[in-house]
């Protein structure tokens, strides 16, 4: 989980540097790995897919906005419409998953 969380953060940092292609590629691989481990409907998988859709929108993909709205509805049903994660995605901002401190 730490590696995948770190990959999500790295993808957001790449997008912040305007390296959108690399960000989208990393988010795509990370979302696929999260989906394989946790399943496609797990909140972490959905969060990563949300970041990917935001990046794809910046890359000019026409379907990204509609896909993001569908993902927000799915995430709202999973964790609740009032959850801060849902608000961040609705505002069009990427999600950065905080890494818990190591136990040593």
C-alpha atoms as a PDB file:
ATOM      1  CA  UNK A   1       0.000   0.000   0.000  1.00  0.00           C
ATOM      2  CA  UNK A   2       2.867   2.427   0.675  1.00  0.00           C
ATOM      3  CA  UNK A   3       4.326   1.923  -2.785  1.00  0.00           C
ATOM      4  CA  UNK A   4       0.973   2.548  -4.465  1.00  0.00           C
ATOM      5  CA  UNK A   5       0.249   5.578  -2.260  1.00  0.00           C
ATOM      6  CA  UNK A   6       3.699   6.919  -3.136  1.00  0.00           C
ATOM      7  CA  UNK A   7       2.998   6.348  -6.827  1.00  0.00           C
ATOM      8  CA  UNK A   8      -0.234   8.350  -6.532  1.00  0.00           C
ATOM      9  CA  UNK A   9       1.648  11.228  -4.916  1.00  0.00           C
ATOM     10  CA  UNK A  10       4.375  11.026  -7.558  1.00  0.00           C
ATOM     11  CA  UNK A  11       1.788  11.230 -10.351  1.00  0.00           C
ATOM     12  CA  UNK A  12       0.266  14.353  -8.777  1.00  0.00           C
ATOM     13  CA  UNK A  13       3.727  15.934  -8.539  1.00  0.00           C
ATOM     14  CA  UNK A  14       4.373  15.127 -12.205  1.00  0.00           C
ATOM     15  CA  UNK A  15       1.088  16.821 -13.137  1.00  0.00           C
ATOM     16  CA  UNK A  16       2.060  19.845 -11.039  1.00  0.00           C
ATOM     17  CA  UNK A  17       5.251  20.069 -13.126  1.00  0.00           C
ATOM     18  CA  UNK A  18       3.136  19.961 -16.300  1.00  0.00           C
ATOM     19  CA  UNK A  19       4.437  16.509 -17.216  1.00  0.00           C
ATOM     20  CA  UNK A  20       0.880  15.381 -17.909  1.00  0.00           C
ATOM     21  CA  UNK A  21       1.766  12.431 -20.123  1.00  0.00           C
ATOM     22  CA  UNK A  22       3.984  10.853 -17.481  1.00  0.00           C
ATOM     23  CA  UNK A  23       1.425  11.636 -14.787  1.00  0.00           C
ATOM     24  CA  UNK A  24      -1.400   9.971 -16.728  1.00  0.00           C
ATOM     25  CA  UNK A  25       0.748   6.930 -17.470  1.00  0.00           C
ATOM     26  CA  UNK A  26       1.729   6.511 -13.808  1.00  0.00           C
ATOM     27  CA  UNK A  27      -1.853   7.036 -12.598  1.00  0.00           C
ATOM     28  CA  UNK A  28      -3.090   4.477 -15.113  1.00  0.00           C
ATOM     29  CA  UNK A  29      -0.597   1.842 -13.921  1.00  0.00           C
ATOM     30  CA  UNK A  30      -1.298   2.680 -10.266  1.00  0.00           C
ATOM     31  CA  UNK A  31      -5.079   2.528 -10.707  1.00  0.00           C
ATOM     32  CA  UNK A  32      -4.722  -0.840 -12.448  1.00  0.00           C
ATOM     33  CA  UNK A  33      -2.576  -2.186  -9.598  1.00  0.00           C
ATOM     34  CA  UNK A  34      -4.989  -0.852  -6.975  1.00  0.00           C
ATOM     35  CA  UNK A  35      -7.861  -2.444  -8.883  1.00  0.00           C
ATOM     36  CA  UNK A  36      -6.048  -5.782  -8.979  1.00  0.00           C
ATOM     37  CA  UNK A  37      -5.320  -5.688  -5.242  1.00  0.00           C
ATOM     38  CA  UNK A  38      -8.392  -4.014  -3.746  1.00  0.00           C
ATOM     39  CA  UNK A  39     -10.932  -4.274  -6.530  1.00  0.00           C
ATOM     40  CA  UNK A  40     -12.313  -1.694  -8.951  1.00  0.00           C
ATOM     41  CA  UNK A  41     -14.783  -0.189  -6.459  1.00  0.00           C
ATOM     42  CA  UNK A  42     -12.380   0.339  -3.555  1.00  0.00           C
ATOM     43  CA  UNK A  43     -12.081   4.010  -2.477  1.00  0.00           C
ATOM     44  CA  UNK A  44      -8.311   4.086  -3.129  1.00  0.00           C
ATOM     45  CA  UNK A  45      -8.819   2.722  -6.645  1.00  0.00           C
ATOM     46  CA  UNK A  46     -11.540   5.300  -7.272  1.00  0.00           C
ATOM     47  CA  UNK A  47      -9.370   8.129  -5.906  1.00  0.00           C
ATOM     48  CA  UNK A  48      -6.531   7.226  -8.224  1.00  0.00           C
ATOM     49  CA  UNK A  49      -8.901   6.959 -11.185  1.00  0.00           C
ATOM     50  CA  UNK A  50     -10.223  10.411 -10.229  1.00  0.00           C
ATOM     51  CA  UNK A  51      -6.719  11.842 -10.451  1.00  0.00           C
ATOM     52  CA  UNK A  52      -6.230  10.121 -13.794  1.00  0.00           C
ATOM     53  CA  UNK A  53      -9.440  11.630 -15.166  1.00  0.00           C
ATOM     54  CA  UNK A  54      -8.413  15.116 -14.028  1.00  0.00           C
ATOM     55  CA  UNK A  55      -5.108  14.702 -15.855  1.00  0.00           C
ATOM     56  CA  UNK A  56      -6.836  13.339 -18.947  1.00  0.00           C
ATOM     57  CA  UNK A  57      -9.118  16.371 -18.957  1.00  0.00           C
ATOM     58  CA  UNK A  58      -6.036  18.615 -18.941  1.00  0.00           C
ATOM     59  CA  UNK A  59      -4.698  16.574 -21.848  1.00  0.00           C
ATOM     60  CA  UNK A  60      -7.854  17.447 -23.776  1.00  0.00           C
ATOM     61  CA  UNK A  61      -9.689  14.121 -23.699  1.00  0.00           C
ATOM     62  CA  UNK A  62     -13.319  14.946 -24.336  1.00  0.00           C
ATOM     63  CA  UNK A  63     -14.802  12.042 -22.353  1.00  0.00           C
ATOM     64  CA  UNK A  64     -12.794  12.765 -19.199  1.00  0.00           C
ATOM     65  CA  UNK A  65     -15.278  15.265 -17.733  1.00  0.00           C
ATOM     66  CA  UNK A  66     -18.275  12.935 -18.085  1.00  0.00           C
ATOM     67  CA  UNK A  67     -16.237   9.982 -16.825  1.00  0.00           C
ATOM     68  CA  UNK A  68     -15.185  12.050 -13.797  1.00  0.00           C
ATOM     69  CA  UNK A  69     -18.812  12.870 -12.972  1.00  0.00           C
ATOM     70  CA  UNK A  70     -19.679   9.160 -13.107  1.00  0.00           C
ATOM     71  CA  UNK A  71     -16.697   8.367 -10.884  1.00  0.00           C
ATOM     72  CA  UNK A  72     -17.721  11.065  -8.384  1.00  0.00           C
ATOM     73  CA  UNK A  73     -21.204   9.525  -8.218  1.00  0.00           C
ATOM     74  CA  UNK A  74     -19.689   6.080  -7.637  1.00  0.00           C
ATOM     75  CA  UNK A  75     -17.322   7.395  -4.967  1.00  0.00           C
ATOM     76  CA  UNK A  76     -20.185   9.288  -3.294  1.00  0.00           C
ATOM     77  CA  UNK A  77     -22.179   6.068  -3.115  1.00  0.00           C
ATOM     78  CA  UNK A  78     -19.181   4.252  -1.639  1.00  0.00           C
ATOM     79  CA  UNK A  79     -17.906   6.715   0.992  1.00  0.00           C
ATOM     80  CA  UNK A  80     -20.700   9.291   1.215  1.00  0.00           C
ATOM     81  CA  UNK A  81     -21.412  12.462  -0.723  1.00  0.00           C
ATOM     82  CA  UNK A  82     -20.207  14.645   2.170  1.00  0.00           C
ATOM     83  CA  UNK A  83     -16.770  13.029   2.385  1.00  0.00           C
ATOM     84  CA  UNK A  84     -13.909  15.518   1.838  1.00  0.00           C
ATOM     85  CA  UNK A  85     -12.490  13.353  -0.964  1.00  0.00           C
ATOM     86  CA  UNK A  86     -15.674  13.849  -2.966  1.00  0.00           C
ATOM     87  CA  UNK A  87     -15.493  17.619  -2.455  1.00  0.00           C
ATOM     88  CA  UNK A  88     -11.877  17.749  -3.630  1.00  0.00           C
ATOM     89  CA  UNK A  89     -12.715  15.896  -6.843  1.00  0.00           C
ATOM     90  CA  UNK A  90     -15.803  18.035  -7.439  1.00  0.00           C
ATOM     91  CA  UNK A  91     -13.588  21.115  -7.132  1.00  0.00           C
ATOM     92  CA  UNK A  92     -11.297  19.715  -9.828  1.00  0.00           C
ATOM     93  CA  UNK A  93      -8.291  19.186  -7.592  1.00  0.00           C
ATOM     94  CA  UNK A  94      -6.117  16.082  -7.454  1.00  0.00           C
ATOM     95  CA  UNK A  95      -6.103  13.896  -4.396  1.00  0.00           C
ATOM     96  CA  UNK A  96      -2.860  13.308  -2.549  1.00  0.00           C
ATOM     97  CA  UNK A  97      -2.968  10.285  -0.300  1.00  0.00           C
ATOM     98  CA  UNK A  98      -1.176  10.924   2.962  1.00  0.00           C
ATOM     99  CA  UNK A  99       1.327   8.282   3.893  1.00  0.00           C
ATOM    100  CA  UNK A 100       1.100   6.972   7.433  1.00  0.00           C
ATOM    101  CA  UNK A 101       4.359   7.074   9.370  1.00  0.00           C
ATOM    102  CA  UNK A 102       6.358   3.870   9.415  1.00  0.00           C
ATOM    103  CA  UNK A 103       6.113   1.927  12.691  1.00  0.00           C
ATOM    104  CA  UNK A 104       9.848   1.894  13.389  1.00  0.00           C
END
